[in-house]
């Protein structure tokens, strides 16, 4: 599933990085501790977090994440939006918490295939 499909299906607002909406999402990760995300998220993941500063883009680029979803109504500042646009990493916004959104994403098939 592509980021644009998730954005549309889950009615998420696009805050920045719209040129990356055709990225393929293969799995998801929830976490607010950057070191945890760096250790455990994988390429193609959609990352749900409340963090909204520029460092989230550094992590997303390092881990080759498909997109970032800011939850609980958090919004990125202008510098973060500019970096997302530059890197082509979509930053989406959700007014709700990560728990129900993660469940809905999982139910929609956003999960690694079990071997």
Protein backbone atom coordinates (compact mmCIF):
# COMPACT_ATOMS: atom_id res chain seq x y z
CA UNK A 1 0.00 0.00 0.00
CA UNK A 2 1.30 3.45 -0.84
CA UNK A 3 1.47 6.40 1.58
CA UNK A 4 -1.16 8.24 -0.50
CA UNK A 5 -3.57 5.32 -0.06
CA UNK A 6 -3.11 5.42 3.72
CA UNK A 7 -3.47 9.20 3.78
CA UNK A 8 -6.73 8.99 1.88
CA UNK A 9 -8.21 5.91 3.58
CA UNK A 10 -7.48 7.16 7.10
CA UNK A 11 -8.24 10.82 6.37
CA UNK A 12 -4.82 12.03 7.48
CA UNK A 13 -3.78 15.61 6.80
CA UNK A 14 -0.62 16.12 4.73
CA UNK A 15 1.67 18.54 6.58
CA UNK A 16 4.74 18.18 4.34
CA UNK A 17 6.69 15.89 2.06
CA UNK A 18 3.94 15.39 -0.50
CA UNK A 19 6.41 14.38 -3.23
CA UNK A 20 6.95 11.14 -1.28
CA UNK A 21 3.30 10.05 -1.28
CA UNK A 22 4.05 7.23 -3.74
CA UNK A 23 6.41 5.51 -1.31
CA UNK A 24 5.45 1.91 -0.53
CA UNK A 25 4.56 1.13 3.09
CA UNK A 26 5.53 -2.38 4.19
CA UNK A 27 5.09 -2.25 7.98
CA UNK A 28 4.63 0.18 10.82
CA UNK A 29 6.31 1.31 14.00
CA UNK A 30 5.05 3.25 17.02
CA UNK A 31 7.50 5.02 19.27
CA UNK A 32 8.51 8.36 20.68
CA UNK A 33 12.05 7.58 21.77
CA UNK A 34 14.29 8.28 18.77
CA UNK A 35 16.94 5.75 19.78
CA UNK A 36 14.26 3.04 19.98
CA UNK A 37 13.01 3.89 16.50
CA UNK A 38 16.58 3.88 15.16
CA UNK A 39 17.14 0.44 16.70
CA UNK A 40 13.86 -1.20 15.71
CA UNK A 41 12.07 0.48 12.80
CA UNK A 42 12.74 -0.85 9.32
CA UNK A 43 12.83 0.40 5.75
CA UNK A 44 9.36 1.05 4.39
CA UNK A 45 7.78 1.49 7.84
CA UNK A 46 5.20 4.16 8.56
CA UNK A 47 6.18 5.69 11.90
CA UNK A 48 3.55 6.90 14.39
CA UNK A 49 4.92 9.38 16.93
CA UNK A 50 4.10 12.50 18.92
CA UNK A 51 7.59 13.94 18.26
CA UNK A 52 7.42 16.84 15.83
CA UNK A 53 10.93 18.34 15.71
CA UNK A 54 13.47 18.15 12.88
CA UNK A 55 15.28 15.13 14.32
CA UNK A 56 12.40 12.88 13.26
CA UNK A 57 13.41 13.53 9.65
CA UNK A 58 17.02 12.51 10.34
CA UNK A 59 15.74 9.21 11.79
CA UNK A 60 13.33 8.71 8.87
CA UNK A 61 16.11 9.23 6.32
CA UNK A 62 18.56 7.01 8.23
CA UNK A 63 16.04 4.16 8.51
CA UNK A 64 14.52 4.70 5.03
CA UNK A 65 11.02 5.07 6.48
CA UNK A 66 8.09 5.54 4.12
CA UNK A 67 6.33 8.25 6.16
CA UNK A 68 5.80 9.78 9.59
CA UNK A 69 2.41 10.26 11.22
CA UNK A 70 2.24 12.81 14.02
CA UNK A 71 -0.49 11.77 16.43
CA UNK A 72 -2.50 13.47 19.20
CA UNK A 73 -2.85 16.65 17.16
CA UNK A 74 0.89 17.43 17.15
CA UNK A 75 2.07 19.58 14.27
CA UNK A 76 5.55 20.13 12.83
CA UNK A 77 7.18 23.55 12.90
CA UNK A 78 8.17 25.29 9.68
CA UNK A 79 11.77 24.03 9.75
CA UNK A 80 10.58 20.44 10.12
CA UNK A 81 8.15 20.87 7.23
CA UNK A 82 10.91 22.32 5.06
CA UNK A 83 13.20 19.39 5.83
CA UNK A 84 10.40 16.89 5.08
CA UNK A 85 9.79 18.58 1.74
CA UNK A 86 13.53 18.53 0.95
CA UNK A 87 13.88 14.84 1.85
CA UNK A 88 10.57 13.80 0.27
CA UNK A 89 9.38 12.15 3.49
CA UNK A 90 5.63 12.57 3.98
CA UNK A 91 4.59 13.93 7.36
CA UNK A 92 0.92 13.17 8.00
CA UNK A 93 -1.24 14.37 10.88
CA UNK A 94 -3.75 12.49 13.00
CA UNK A 95 -5.87 14.12 15.72
CA UNK A 96 -6.16 10.83 17.63
CA UNK A 97 -3.70 8.66 19.52
CA UNK A 98 -1.39 6.10 17.95
CA UNK A 99 -3.09 3.05 19.49
CA UNK A 100 -6.33 3.01 17.46
CA UNK A 101 -4.56 4.18 14.30
CA UNK A 102 -1.96 1.42 14.61
CA UNK A 103 -4.74 -1.15 14.98
CA UNK A 104 -6.54 0.18 11.92
CA UNK A 105 -3.32 0.15 9.87
CA UNK A 106 -2.60 -3.42 10.96
CA UNK A 107 -6.15 -4.49 10.07
CA UNK A 108 -5.72 -2.86 6.65
CA UNK A 109 -2.74 -5.13 5.95
CA UNK A 110 0.17 -2.90 6.96
CA UNK A 111 2.35 -5.62 8.48
CA UNK A 112 5.26 -7.74 7.47
CA UNK A 113 4.32 -11.04 5.89
CA UNK A 114 4.84 -13.90 8.32
CA UNK A 115 7.22 -16.55 7.03
